[in-house]
Structure formats: structure tokens, C-alpha cells
Amino acid sequence: MEEQSFSEAALQEYKNGIGIFTKKMPKLAEAYNQFTQTCFEEGMLSQKEKQMIALGISLYAQDEYCIIYHTKGCLDQGCTEEEILETVGVAAAFGGGAAMSQAVTLVQQAMEELKEPPH
């Protein structure tokens, strides 16, 4: 059995936690999930752009689970490493050293661990 990376383990931990919360608070979880799904639907902004925005906000907010989740979202939507790092730069312009420290550690680790191997 292949060992999970830190990023994969964090995503699994979040998935497990949201599953427990959903069992205990199904109406609230359903409303939250419906709201966030609507927010990330394709619109005037693409899903890719929305994931980059979410990553920048996650960095600014210092939310490690969301940083990993939205780094994966960026990769899943086809963001290049350069697009992700540019997003990091914008977040660092607002969040200073705290955002940059997450970017040069957690984002880079998550990109490496979660990117799909070339086909």
C-alpha cells in the first residue's frame, strides 16, 4: 500500500471531518455545500480563476487546509506552476511574510505532492 503524502493526508483528514460534521448537522452541511458549489460554478469567471482567487484568500487567511485544497483545485483546473506562483505573489503583496511563508512551504509541497504525473 502506497503511503500518503502530507498533502493527501490533510485532504483525507478534511474529508473525514466534513463527513462527521455532515452526519451530525446534515441541513447545515447541505446548505454550506450547496452555497460553495454555486460559488465555484463557471460564470463570468472561470473555475480556474475562482480557484486561484480562493488560493490567494486561503494564503492571506493562513488556512492550511484550504491552502492545500485550493492548490489542488488550481492543479485540477489546469493551472501551471507559474500561474499558482503568481497567485502566491499577489497574496503575499497583501499578506506579507505570513502569506509568503505558507507559499514557499505549503503551496510548493502541495503542488509537488498533488500534481498528476505526465501522461
Protein backbone atom coordinates (compact mmCIF):
# COMPACT_ATOMS: atom_id res chain seq x y z
CA MET A 1 0.00 0.00 0.00
CA GLU A 2 1.38 3.38 -1.03
CA GLU A 3 1.99 5.85 1.80
CA GLN A 4 0.03 9.11 1.65
CA SER A 5 1.86 12.39 1.30
CA PHE A 6 1.32 15.14 3.86
CA SER A 7 -0.99 16.96 1.44
CA GLU A 8 -3.03 13.85 0.64
CA ALA A 9 -3.33 13.06 4.36
CA ALA A 10 -4.53 16.61 5.08
CA LEU A 11 -7.16 16.37 2.33
CA GLN A 12 -8.30 13.00 3.71
CA GLU A 13 -8.45 14.44 7.24
CA TYR A 14 -10.65 17.28 5.97
CA LYS A 15 -12.86 14.83 4.06
CA ASN A 16 -13.28 12.69 7.18
CA GLY A 17 -14.06 15.73 9.31
CA ILE A 18 -16.64 17.09 6.91
CA GLY A 19 -18.22 13.63 6.75
CA ILE A 20 -18.64 13.51 10.53
CA PHE A 21 -19.97 17.07 10.59
CA THR A 22 -22.44 16.21 7.81
CA LYS A 23 -23.82 13.27 9.81
CA LYS A 24 -24.28 15.47 12.88
CA MET A 25 -25.54 18.60 11.10
CA PRO A 26 -26.96 17.46 7.75
CA LYS A 27 -29.09 20.53 6.97
CA LEU A 28 -26.27 22.95 7.74
CA ALA A 29 -23.72 20.90 5.79
CA GLU A 30 -26.07 20.62 2.81
CA ALA A 31 -26.67 24.37 2.77
CA TYR A 32 -22.96 25.10 3.06
CA ASN A 33 -22.03 22.61 0.33
CA GLN A 34 -24.74 23.94 -1.99
CA PHE A 35 -23.56 27.53 -1.39
CA THR A 36 -19.89 26.76 -2.06
CA GLN A 37 -20.73 24.67 -5.14
CA THR A 38 -22.68 27.60 -6.53
CA CYS A 39 -19.80 29.98 -5.78
CA PHE A 40 -17.35 27.83 -7.75
CA GLU A 41 -19.57 27.22 -10.80
CA GLU A 42 -18.38 28.57 -14.13
CA GLY A 43 -19.67 32.11 -14.65
CA MET A 44 -18.12 35.37 -15.75
CA LEU A 45 -15.04 33.99 -14.01
CA SER A 46 -13.80 30.55 -14.92
CA GLN A 47 -13.49 27.80 -12.32
CA LYS A 48 -9.73 28.10 -12.78
CA GLU A 49 -9.81 31.82 -11.91
CA LYS A 50 -12.04 31.13 -8.92
CA GLN A 51 -9.61 28.51 -7.59
CA MET A 52 -6.73 30.99 -7.92
CA ILE A 53 -8.75 33.60 -6.01
CA ALA A 54 -9.58 31.03 -3.32
CA LEU A 55 -5.92 30.06 -3.02
CA GLY A 56 -4.92 33.71 -2.56
CA ILE A 57 -7.55 34.24 0.12
CA SER A 58 -6.55 30.99 1.84
CA LEU A 59 -2.94 32.18 1.99
CA TYR A 60 -3.98 35.54 3.38
CA ALA A 61 -6.22 33.83 5.96
CA GLN A 62 -3.45 31.35 6.92
CA ASP A 63 -5.90 28.43 6.50
CA GLU A 64 -3.65 25.44 5.87
CA TYR A 65 -6.43 23.00 4.89
CA CYS A 66 -7.83 25.49 2.37
CA ILE A 67 -4.35 26.27 1.06
CA ILE A 68 -3.84 22.59 0.25
CA TYR A 69 -7.43 22.13 -1.00
CA HIS A 70 -7.27 25.12 -3.35
CA THR A 71 -3.74 24.33 -4.53
CA LYS A 72 -5.23 21.00 -5.63
CA GLY A 73 -8.20 22.87 -7.11
CA CYS A 74 -5.81 25.04 -9.12
CA LEU A 75 -3.94 21.97 -10.37
CA ASP A 76 -7.22 20.18 -11.18
CA GLN A 77 -8.36 23.22 -13.20
CA GLY A 78 -5.14 23.18 -15.23
CA CYS A 79 -3.18 25.96 -13.56
CA THR A 80 0.50 25.95 -14.34
CA GLU A 81 3.10 26.26 -11.63
CA GLU A 82 3.75 29.79 -12.86
CA GLU A 83 0.06 30.76 -12.51
CA ILE A 84 -0.03 29.36 -8.98
CA LEU A 85 3.17 31.15 -8.01
CA GLU A 86 1.86 34.41 -9.48
CA THR A 87 -1.27 33.95 -7.37
CA VAL A 88 1.04 33.45 -4.38
CA GLY A 89 2.81 36.69 -5.20
CA VAL A 90 -0.42 38.66 -5.20
CA ALA A 91 -1.43 37.11 -1.87
CA ALA A 92 2.00 37.95 -0.44
CA ALA A 93 1.58 41.57 -1.54
CA PHE A 94 -1.40 41.77 0.83
CA GLY A 95 -0.48 39.17 3.44
CA GLY A 96 3.23 39.94 3.73
CA GLY A 97 5.62 37.48 5.29
CA ALA A 98 2.92 35.24 6.73
CA ALA A 99 1.39 34.57 3.29
CA MET A 100 4.81 34.21 1.70
CA SER A 101 5.96 31.69 4.33
CA GLN A 102 2.94 29.49 3.58
CA ALA A 103 3.56 29.89 -0.14
CA VAL A 104 7.19 28.89 -0.14
CA THR A 105 6.50 25.89 2.06
CA LEU A 106 2.95 24.51 1.98
CA VAL A 107 1.92 25.53 -1.55
CA GLN A 108 5.14 24.23 -3.09
CA GLN A 109 4.87 20.98 -1.13
CA ALA A 110 1.21 20.53 -2.11
CA MET A 111 1.94 21.25 -5.79
CA GLU A 112 4.68 18.64 -5.81
CA GLU A 113 2.65 16.02 -3.98
CA LEU A 114 -0.68 16.54 -5.75
CA LYS A 115 0.20 17.18 -9.38
CA GLU A 116 -0.70 14.48 -11.82
CA PRO A 117 2.23 12.69 -13.43
CA PRO A 118 2.60 13.48 -17.15
CA HIS A 119 0.68 11.09 -19.39
